[in-house]
Amino acid sequence: MTKRDRSGKAVSGVGQDAALGALATLASVALGANPIGATLVGGSAPVLKYLQQVWTQAGERRGDRAARSLKHAADLMDVGLDILVERAVGYDARLELLAQVLEAAARTSMEDKIQALGQILADGLRSDSHLDEARLLASMVNDLEAPHVVVLKLIAKQPVPPESMWSNPGGPRGWERTHVALALPDYDSFLDGVLAALVRHGALRTLGDGTWDGMANIDAHGITTLGIRCLQLFGHEPTEGSSVPDGPTEPEN
């Protein structure tokens, strides 16, 4: 919860000030100007008043979330926020990672995601050898919300769907869309987008190949090492049943 003084204004800590400063720079580059300061054609005074209130509250909450991610990274690295920011701005790739993390943290309401982004930032700043991986993970986590994590957990926990869902005696190699929809019926209307995002980021992969059996499994999905890493970032350690499926079988000549 955002702390406020007697006047009702949010009280910013050092971490929030640093995050807000970075976000302000990013916003000025991306947006060009504060939309509240622009002239709204046909806008009435009450509309502008409420818009200003909403924009201010949204900005405070986004700044608070970005600050929590920044503080989590500093805690993991066991350094002060000033040292963390100084290290980040000293090299373009690290600065870009910081920008990715702050922007992603500001725009999510998932506490697990805020913590995951802090972990990614800490890992990337500890060693330049981890920067490429950290930026890839930050990009992936930025696009993931609660439904993506639920689907990943489902497939990680049980790599093959229950036998009651099988349409052939041999069973599938992994989870097809129809299987996931049966297990998570509330997700059916947007499940295609969830699976597409997970495959695009490499957290899931299709398990088909050039064999006859592989052709029958062209729509089956299995979790990848990157997908398991993503779950770990969100605080979900793999269970005993979790495994990464074998790669596609090469067809015989």
C-alpha atoms as a PDB file:
ATOM      1  CA  MET A   1       0.000   0.000   0.000  1.00  0.00           C
ATOM      2  CA  THR A   2       1.295   3.467  -0.890  1.00  0.00           C
ATOM      3  CA  LYS A   3       2.164   5.548   2.196  1.00  0.00           C
ATOM      4  CA  ARG A   4       0.719   9.073   2.330  1.00  0.00           C
ATOM      5  CA  ASP A   5       1.318  12.206   4.400  1.00  0.00           C
ATOM      6  CA  ARG A   6      -1.419  14.259   6.071  1.00  0.00           C
ATOM      7  CA  SER A   7      -2.255  16.045   2.845  1.00  0.00           C
ATOM      8  CA  GLY A   8      -2.899  12.727   1.112  1.00  0.00           C
ATOM      9  CA  LYS A   9       0.169  12.958  -1.119  1.00  0.00           C
ATOM     10  CA  ALA A  10       2.141   9.765  -1.631  1.00  0.00           C
ATOM     11  CA  VAL A  11       5.358   9.599   0.347  1.00  0.00           C
ATOM     12  CA  SER A  12       8.171   8.271  -1.842  1.00  0.00           C
ATOM     13  CA  GLY A  13      11.050   6.334  -0.390  1.00  0.00           C
ATOM     14  CA  VAL A  14      14.525   6.300  -1.903  1.00  0.00           C
ATOM     15  CA  GLY A  15      13.695   3.260  -4.018  1.00  0.00           C
ATOM     16  CA  GLN A  16      10.475   4.748  -5.317  1.00  0.00           C
ATOM     17  CA  ASP A  17      12.212   8.048  -6.125  1.00  0.00           C
ATOM     18  CA  ALA A  18      14.879   6.231  -8.135  1.00  0.00           C
ATOM     19  CA  ALA A  19      12.323   4.123  -9.977  1.00  0.00           C
ATOM     20  CA  LEU A  20      10.064   7.086 -10.690  1.00  0.00           C
ATOM     21  CA  GLY A  21      13.004   9.084 -12.001  1.00  0.00           C
ATOM     22  CA  ALA A  22      13.936   6.324 -14.419  1.00  0.00           C
ATOM     23  CA  LEU A  23      10.318   5.825 -15.432  1.00  0.00           C
ATOM     24  CA  ALA A  24       9.878   9.550 -16.042  1.00  0.00           C
ATOM     25  CA  THR A  25      12.801   9.495 -18.449  1.00  0.00           C
ATOM     26  CA  LEU A  26      11.427   6.450 -20.230  1.00  0.00           C
ATOM     27  CA  ALA A  27       7.949   7.969 -20.431  1.00  0.00           C
ATOM     28  CA  SER A  28       9.241  11.236 -21.881  1.00  0.00           C
ATOM     29  CA  VAL A  29      11.032   9.324 -24.618  1.00  0.00           C
ATOM     30  CA  ALA A  30       8.181   6.909 -25.364  1.00  0.00           C
ATOM     31  CA  LEU A  31       5.232   9.274 -25.022  1.00  0.00           C
ATOM     32  CA  GLY A  32       6.737  12.680 -25.735  1.00  0.00           C
ATOM     33  CA  ALA A  33       4.625  14.507 -23.150  1.00  0.00           C
ATOM     34  CA  ASN A  34       2.288  14.055 -20.220  1.00  0.00           C
ATOM     35  CA  PRO A  35      -1.206  13.655 -21.750  1.00  0.00           C
ATOM     36  CA  ILE A  36      -2.724  15.615 -18.889  1.00  0.00           C
ATOM     37  CA  GLY A  37      -0.761  18.669 -19.943  1.00  0.00           C
ATOM     38  CA  ALA A  38      -2.049  18.493 -23.491  1.00  0.00           C
ATOM     39  CA  THR A  39      -5.124  20.443 -24.596  1.00  0.00           C
ATOM     40  CA  LEU A  40      -8.154  18.180 -24.923  1.00  0.00           C
ATOM     41  CA  VAL A  41     -10.478  19.443 -27.636  1.00  0.00           C
ATOM     42  CA  GLY A  42     -13.975  19.667 -26.231  1.00  0.00           C
ATOM     43  CA  GLY A  43     -12.772  18.633 -22.779  1.00  0.00           C
ATOM     44  CA  SER A  44     -14.664  20.123 -19.845  1.00  0.00           C
ATOM     45  CA  ALA A  45     -13.157  21.142 -16.518  1.00  0.00           C
ATOM     46  CA  PRO A  46     -14.748  18.213 -14.581  1.00  0.00           C
ATOM     47  CA  VAL A  47     -13.430  15.724 -17.142  1.00  0.00           C
ATOM     48  CA  LEU A  48      -9.918  17.163 -16.882  1.00  0.00           C
ATOM     49  CA  LYS A  49     -10.145  17.134 -13.091  1.00  0.00           C
ATOM     50  CA  TYR A  50     -11.057  13.442 -12.920  1.00  0.00           C
ATOM     51  CA  LEU A  51      -8.554  12.550 -15.629  1.00  0.00           C
ATOM     52  CA  GLN A  52      -5.837  14.284 -13.623  1.00  0.00           C
ATOM     53  CA  GLN A  53      -6.822  12.310 -10.512  1.00  0.00           C
ATOM     54  CA  VAL A  54      -6.837   8.991 -12.359  1.00  0.00           C
ATOM     55  CA  TRP A  55      -3.507   9.711 -14.067  1.00  0.00           C
ATOM     56  CA  THR A  56      -1.910  10.738 -10.764  1.00  0.00           C
ATOM     57  CA  GLN A  57      -3.147   7.648  -8.932  1.00  0.00           C
ATOM     58  CA  ALA A  58      -2.089   5.361 -11.770  1.00  0.00           C
ATOM     59  CA  GLY A  59       1.348   6.975 -11.829  1.00  0.00           C
ATOM     60  CA  GLU A  60       1.761   6.561  -8.066  1.00  0.00           C
ATOM     61  CA  ARG A  61       0.822   2.889  -8.193  1.00  0.00           C
ATOM     62  CA  ARG A  62       3.057   2.191 -11.168  1.00  0.00           C
ATOM     63  CA  GLY A  63       5.948   3.955  -9.474  1.00  0.00           C
ATOM     64  CA  ASP A  64       5.381   1.957  -6.303  1.00  0.00           C
ATOM     65  CA  ARG A  65       5.420  -1.341  -8.204  1.00  0.00           C
ATOM     66  CA  ALA A  66       8.593  -0.408 -10.096  1.00  0.00           C
ATOM     67  CA  ALA A  67      10.221   0.621  -6.814  1.00  0.00           C
ATOM     68  CA  ARG A  68       9.392  -2.731  -5.188  1.00  0.00           C
ATOM     69  CA  SER A  69      11.037  -4.581  -8.058  1.00  0.00           C
ATOM     70  CA  LEU A  70      14.120  -2.350  -7.806  1.00  0.00           C
ATOM     71  CA  LYS A  71      14.356  -2.840  -4.039  1.00  0.00           C
ATOM     72  CA  HIS A  72      14.001  -6.622  -4.399  1.00  0.00           C
ATOM     73  CA  ALA A  73      16.944  -6.650  -6.832  1.00  0.00           C
ATOM     74  CA  ALA A  74      19.053  -4.569  -4.421  1.00  0.00           C
ATOM     75  CA  ASP A  75      18.176  -6.894  -1.526  1.00  0.00           C
ATOM     76  CA  LEU A  76      19.168  -9.952  -3.563  1.00  0.00           C
ATOM     77  CA  MET A  77      22.488  -8.332  -4.479  1.00  0.00           C
ATOM     78  CA  ASP A  78      22.965  -7.118  -0.899  1.00  0.00           C
ATOM     79  CA  VAL A  79      23.821  -3.593  -2.071  1.00  0.00           C
ATOM     80  CA  GLY A  80      22.271  -0.168  -1.664  1.00  0.00           C
ATOM     81  CA  LEU A  81      19.966   1.244  -4.298  1.00  0.00           C
ATOM     82  CA  ASP A  82      22.561   3.861  -5.208  1.00  0.00           C
ATOM     83  CA  ILE A  83      25.139   1.152  -5.984  1.00  0.00           C
ATOM     84  CA  LEU A  84      22.603  -0.844  -8.003  1.00  0.00           C
ATOM     85  CA  VAL A  85      21.552   2.156 -10.108  1.00  0.00           C
ATOM     86  CA  GLU A  86      25.173   3.268 -10.574  1.00  0.00           C
ATOM     87  CA  ARG A  87      26.082  -0.190 -11.882  1.00  0.00           C
ATOM     88  CA  ALA A  88      23.076  -0.249 -14.204  1.00  0.00           C
ATOM     89  CA  VAL A  89      23.689   3.139 -15.827  1.00  0.00           C
ATOM     90  CA  GLY A  90      27.373   2.453 -16.415  1.00  0.00           C
ATOM     91  CA  TYR A  91      26.808   0.286 -19.473  1.00  0.00           C
ATOM     92  CA  ASP A  92      24.154   0.501 -22.206  1.00  0.00           C
ATOM     93  CA  ALA A  93      23.072  -3.151 -22.035  1.00  0.00           C
ATOM     94  CA  ARG A  94      22.614  -2.979 -18.256  1.00  0.00           C
ATOM     95  CA  LEU A  95      20.705   0.300 -18.582  1.00  0.00           C
ATOM     96  CA  GLU A  96      18.375  -1.299 -21.129  1.00  0.00           C
ATOM     97  CA  LEU A  97      17.779  -4.213 -18.755  1.00  0.00           C
ATOM     98  CA  LEU A  98      16.924  -1.765 -15.964  1.00  0.00           C
ATOM     99  CA  ALA A  99      14.503   0.052 -18.284  1.00  0.00           C
ATOM    100  CA  GLN A 100      12.849  -3.238 -19.292  1.00  0.00           C
ATOM    101  CA  VAL A 101      12.389  -4.321 -15.684  1.00  0.00           C
ATOM    102  CA  LEU A 102      11.045  -0.991 -14.409  1.00  0.00           C
ATOM    103  CA  GLU A 103       8.578  -0.635 -17.261  1.00  0.00           C
ATOM    104  CA  ALA A 104       7.331  -4.225 -16.918  1.00  0.00           C
ATOM    105  CA  ALA A 105       7.015  -3.998 -13.132  1.00  0.00           C
ATOM    106  CA  ALA A 106       5.127  -0.711 -13.366  1.00  0.00           C
ATOM    107  CA  ARG A 107       2.502  -2.220 -15.645  1.00  0.00           C
ATOM    108  CA  THR A 108       1.621  -5.387 -13.734  1.00  0.00           C
ATOM    109  CA  SER A 109      -0.552  -6.019 -10.697  1.00  0.00           C
ATOM    110  CA  MET A 110       1.008  -9.464 -10.066  1.00  0.00           C
ATOM    111  CA  GLU A 111       3.249  -9.414  -7.007  1.00  0.00           C
ATOM    112  CA  ASP A 112       4.973 -12.628  -8.153  1.00  0.00           C
ATOM    113  CA  LYS A 113       5.834 -10.922 -11.436  1.00  0.00           C
ATOM    114  CA  ILE A 114       7.265  -7.870  -9.648  1.00  0.00           C
ATOM    115  CA  GLN A 115       9.503 -10.170  -7.589  1.00  0.00           C
ATOM    116  CA  ALA A 116      10.480 -12.182 -10.678  1.00  0.00           C
ATOM    117  CA  LEU A 117      11.563  -9.025 -12.477  1.00  0.00           C
ATOM    118  CA  GLY A 118      13.656  -8.004  -9.482  1.00  0.00           C
ATOM    119  CA  GLN A 119      15.359 -11.410  -9.570  1.00  0.00           C
ATOM    120  CA  ILE A 120      16.059 -11.031 -13.303  1.00  0.00           C
ATOM    121  CA  LEU A 121      17.547  -7.572 -12.782  1.00  0.00           C
ATOM    122  CA  ALA A 122      19.786  -8.809  -9.961  1.00  0.00           C
ATOM    123  CA  ASP A 123      20.998 -11.774 -12.038  1.00  0.00           C
ATOM    124  CA  GLY A 124      21.748  -9.555 -15.028  1.00  0.00           C
ATOM    125  CA  LEU A 125      23.647  -6.949 -12.999  1.00  0.00           C
ATOM    126  CA  ARG A 126      25.769  -9.482 -11.131  1.00  0.00           C
ATOM    127  CA  SER A 127      27.605 -10.536 -14.276  1.00  0.00           C
ATOM    128  CA  ASP A 128      27.691  -9.224 -17.838  1.00  0.00           C
ATOM    129  CA  SER A 129      27.794 -12.856 -18.997  1.00  0.00           C
ATOM    130  CA  HIS A 130      24.157 -13.168 -17.845  1.00  0.00           C
ATOM    131  CA  LEU A 131      22.925  -9.974 -19.500  1.00  0.00           C
ATOM    132  CA  ASP A 132      21.625 -11.548 -22.711  1.00  0.00           C
ATOM    133  CA  GLU A 133      19.729 -14.220 -20.795  1.00  0.00           C
ATOM    134  CA  ALA A 134      18.372 -11.624 -18.356  1.00  0.00           C
ATOM    135  CA  ARG A 135      17.059  -9.396 -21.141  1.00  0.00           C
ATOM    136  CA  LEU A 136      15.414 -12.378 -22.831  1.00  0.00           C
ATOM    137  CA  LEU A 137      13.793 -13.408 -19.545  1.00  0.00           C
ATOM    138  CA  ALA A 138      12.656  -9.839 -18.867  1.00  0.00           C
ATOM    139  CA  SER A 139      11.008  -9.692 -22.284  1.00  0.00           C
ATOM    140  CA  MET A 140       9.270 -13.019 -21.682  1.00  0.00           C
ATOM    141  CA  VAL A 141       8.078 -12.211 -18.162  1.00  0.00           C
ATOM    142  CA  ASN A 142       6.803  -8.828 -19.359  1.00  0.00           C
ATOM    143  CA  ASP A 143       4.350 -10.624 -21.683  1.00  0.00           C
ATOM    144  CA  LEU A 144       3.180 -13.223 -19.164  1.00  0.00           C
ATOM    145  CA  GLU A 145       0.224 -12.859 -16.824  1.00  0.00           C
ATOM    146  CA  ALA A 146      -1.506 -15.234 -14.409  1.00  0.00           C
ATOM    147  CA  PRO A 147      -3.126 -17.482 -17.098  1.00  0.00           C
ATOM    148  CA  HIS A 148       0.258 -18.148 -18.721  1.00  0.00           C
ATOM    149  CA  VAL A 149       1.724 -19.228 -15.385  1.00  0.00           C
ATOM    150  CA  VAL A 150      -1.270 -21.478 -14.648  1.00  0.00           C
ATOM    151  CA  VAL A 151      -0.858 -23.257 -18.001  1.00  0.00           C
ATOM    152  CA  LEU A 152       2.893 -23.676 -17.466  1.00  0.00           C
ATOM    153  CA  LYS A 153       2.285 -25.150 -13.995  1.00  0.00           C
ATOM    154  CA  LEU A 154      -0.299 -27.564 -15.409  1.00  0.00           C
ATOM    155  CA  ILE A 155       2.038 -28.898 -18.100  1.00  0.00           C
ATOM    156  CA  ALA A 156       5.093 -28.964 -15.813  1.00  0.00           C
ATOM    157  CA  LYS A 157       3.254 -30.919 -13.125  1.00  0.00           C
ATOM    158  CA  GLN A 158       1.913 -33.534 -15.546  1.00  0.00           C
ATOM    159  CA  PRO A 159       3.781 -33.605 -18.885  1.00  0.00           C
ATOM    160  CA  VAL A 160       1.152 -35.892 -20.443  1.00  0.00           C
ATOM    161  CA  PRO A 161      -2.596 -35.280 -19.981  1.00  0.00           C
ATOM    162  CA  PRO A 162      -4.682 -37.784 -18.006  1.00  0.00           C
ATOM    163  CA  GLU A 163      -5.597 -40.968 -19.858  1.00  0.00           C
ATOM    164  CA  SER A 164      -9.272 -39.995 -19.689  1.00  0.00           C
ATOM    165  CA  MET A 165      -8.495 -37.216 -22.214  1.00  0.00           C
ATOM    166  CA  TRP A 166      -6.719 -39.433 -24.747  1.00  0.00           C
ATOM    167  CA  SER A 167      -8.326 -39.810 -28.181  1.00  0.00           C
ATOM    168  CA  ASN A 168      -6.127 -42.770 -29.184  1.00  0.00           C
ATOM    169  CA  PRO A 169      -4.839 -45.778 -27.191  1.00  0.00           C
ATOM    170  CA  GLY A 170      -1.173 -44.762 -27.402  1.00  0.00           C
ATOM    171  CA  GLY A 171      -1.800 -41.357 -25.916  1.00  0.00           C
ATOM    172  CA  PRO A 172      -0.280 -38.002 -26.925  1.00  0.00           C
ATOM    173  CA  ARG A 173       3.289 -36.887 -26.265  1.00  0.00           C
ATOM    174  CA  GLY A 174       2.082 -33.722 -24.561  1.00  0.00           C
ATOM    175  CA  TRP A 175      -0.824 -31.352 -24.056  1.00  0.00           C
ATOM    176  CA  GLU A 176      -2.900 -30.356 -27.066  1.00  0.00           C
ATOM    177  CA  ARG A 177      -5.157 -27.339 -26.979  1.00  0.00           C
ATOM    178  CA  THR A 178      -8.240 -29.512 -26.453  1.00  0.00           C
ATOM    179  CA  HIS A 179      -6.631 -31.139 -23.399  1.00  0.00           C
ATOM    180  CA  VAL A 180      -5.738 -27.799 -21.810  1.00  0.00           C
ATOM    181  CA  ALA A 181      -9.268 -26.513 -22.478  1.00  0.00           C
ATOM    182  CA  LEU A 182     -10.738 -29.564 -20.722  1.00  0.00           C
ATOM    183  CA  ALA A 183      -8.463 -29.033 -17.712  1.00  0.00           C
ATOM    184  CA  LEU A 184      -9.002 -25.243 -17.638  1.00  0.00           C
ATOM    185  CA  PRO A 185     -12.472 -24.618 -19.121  1.00  0.00           C
ATOM    186  CA  ASP A 186     -12.555 -20.975 -17.979  1.00  0.00           C
ATOM    187  CA  TYR A 187      -9.565 -20.283 -20.248  1.00  0.00           C
ATOM    188  CA  ASP A 188     -11.136 -21.661 -23.430  1.00  0.00           C
ATOM    189  CA  SER A 189     -12.044 -18.284 -24.945  1.00  0.00           C
ATOM    190  CA  PHE A 190      -8.473 -16.923 -24.789  1.00  0.00           C
ATOM    191  CA  LEU A 191      -6.417 -20.117 -24.648  1.00  0.00           C
ATOM    192  CA  ASP A 192      -5.056 -19.772 -28.196  1.00  0.00           C
ATOM    193  CA  GLY A 193      -3.390 -16.502 -27.254  1.00  0.00           C
ATOM    194  CA  VAL A 194      -1.939 -17.976 -24.065  1.00  0.00           C
ATOM    195  CA  LEU A 195      -0.391 -20.957 -25.860  1.00  0.00           C
ATOM    196  CA  ALA A 196       0.875 -18.795 -28.734  1.00  0.00           C
ATOM    197  CA  ALA A 197       2.683 -16.448 -26.329  1.00  0.00           C
ATOM    198  CA  LEU A 198       4.289 -19.328 -24.432  1.00  0.00           C
ATOM    199  CA  VAL A 199       5.496 -20.949 -27.656  1.00  0.00           C
ATOM    200  CA  ARG A 200       6.730 -17.613 -29.058  1.00  0.00           C
ATOM    201  CA  HIS A 201       8.880 -17.023 -25.988  1.00  0.00           C
ATOM    202  CA  GLY A 202      10.206 -20.586 -25.923  1.00  0.00           C
ATOM    203  CA  ALA A 203       8.533 -21.595 -22.651  1.00  0.00           C
ATOM    204  CA  LEU A 204       6.579 -24.312 -24.491  1.00  0.00           C
ATOM    205  CA  ARG A 205       7.374 -26.144 -27.712  1.00  0.00           C
ATOM    206  CA  THR A 206       5.416 -28.400 -30.032  1.00  0.00           C
ATOM    207  CA  LEU A 207       6.447 -32.048 -29.909  1.00  0.00           C
ATOM    208  CA  GLY A 208       5.703 -33.204 -33.450  1.00  0.00           C
ATOM    209  CA  ASP A 209       8.332 -34.467 -35.891  1.00  0.00           C
ATOM    210  CA  GLY A 210       8.652 -36.244 -39.237  1.00  0.00           C
ATOM    211  CA  THR A 211       7.668 -39.704 -37.964  1.00  0.00           C
ATOM    212  CA  TRP A 212       4.146 -41.099 -38.196  1.00  0.00           C
ATOM    213  CA  ASP A 213       3.749 -40.763 -34.448  1.00  0.00           C
ATOM    214  CA  GLY A 214       5.229 -37.282 -34.610  1.00  0.00           C
ATOM    215  CA  MET A 215       2.696 -36.194 -37.218  1.00  0.00           C
ATOM    216  CA  ALA A 216      -0.058 -37.282 -34.847  1.00  0.00           C
ATOM    217  CA  ASN A 217       1.496 -35.091 -32.148  1.00  0.00           C
ATOM    218  CA  ILE A 218       2.090 -31.983 -34.224  1.00  0.00           C
ATOM    219  CA  ASP A 219      -0.215 -29.988 -31.925  1.00  0.00           C
ATOM    220  CA  ALA A 220       1.064 -31.423 -28.635  1.00  0.00           C
ATOM    221  CA  HIS A 221       2.928 -29.047 -26.298  1.00  0.00           C
ATOM    222  CA  GLY A 222       5.685 -29.744 -23.823  1.00  0.00           C
ATOM    223  CA  ILE A 223       7.465 -27.456 -21.385  1.00  0.00           C
ATOM    224  CA  THR A 224      11.047 -26.371 -22.070  1.00  0.00           C
ATOM    225  CA  THR A 225      13.989 -25.679 -19.794  1.00  0.00           C
ATOM    226  CA  LEU A 226      13.203 -21.984 -20.253  1.00  0.00           C
ATOM    227  CA  GLY A 227       9.616 -22.641 -19.207  1.00  0.00           C
ATOM    228  CA  ILE A 228      10.761 -24.339 -16.003  1.00  0.00           C
ATOM    229  CA  ARG A 229      13.117 -21.416 -15.353  1.00  0.00           C
ATOM    230  CA  CYS A 230      10.163 -19.074 -15.781  1.00  0.00           C
ATOM    231  CA  LEU A 231       8.158 -20.991 -13.175  1.00  0.00           C
ATOM    232  CA  GLN A 232      11.087 -20.791 -10.771  1.00  0.00           C
ATOM    233  CA  LEU A 233      11.187 -17.020 -11.220  1.00  0.00           C
ATOM    234  CA  PHE A 234       7.504 -16.901 -10.312  1.00  0.00           C
ATOM    235  CA  GLY A 235       8.232 -18.892  -7.157  1.00  0.00           C
ATOM    236  CA  HIS A 236       7.050 -22.302  -8.355  1.00  0.00           C
ATOM    237  CA  GLU A 237       9.691 -24.988  -7.993  1.00  0.00           C
ATOM    238  CA  PRO A 238       9.332 -28.023 -10.308  1.00  0.00           C
ATOM    239  CA  THR A 239       7.550 -31.008  -8.809  1.00  0.00           C
ATOM    240  CA  GLU A 240       8.821 -34.578  -8.944  1.00  0.00           C
ATOM    241  CA  GLY A 241       6.731 -35.229 -12.043  1.00  0.00           C
ATOM    242  CA  SER A 242       8.127 -32.250 -13.944  1.00  0.00           C
ATOM    243  CA  SER A 243      10.362 -33.000 -16.911  1.00  0.00           C
ATOM    244  CA  VAL A 244      11.421 -31.560 -20.226  1.00  0.00           C
ATOM    245  CA  PRO A 245      10.205 -33.802 -23.083  1.00  0.00           C
ATOM    246  CA  ASP A 246      12.760 -35.424 -25.352  1.00  0.00           C
ATOM    247  CA  GLY A 247      13.480 -33.675 -28.619  1.00  0.00           C
ATOM    248  CA  PRO A 248      11.724 -34.655 -31.848  1.00  0.00           C
ATOM    249  CA  THR A 249      12.704 -38.033 -33.243  1.00  0.00           C
ATOM    250  CA  GLU A 250      14.562 -37.925 -36.543  1.00  0.00           C
ATOM    251  CA  PRO A 251      12.741 -39.859 -39.298  1.00  0.00           C
ATOM    252  CA  GLU A 252      14.452 -43.018 -40.505  1.00  0.00           C
ATOM    253  CA  ASN A 253      15.935 -42.977 -43.993  1.00  0.00           C
END
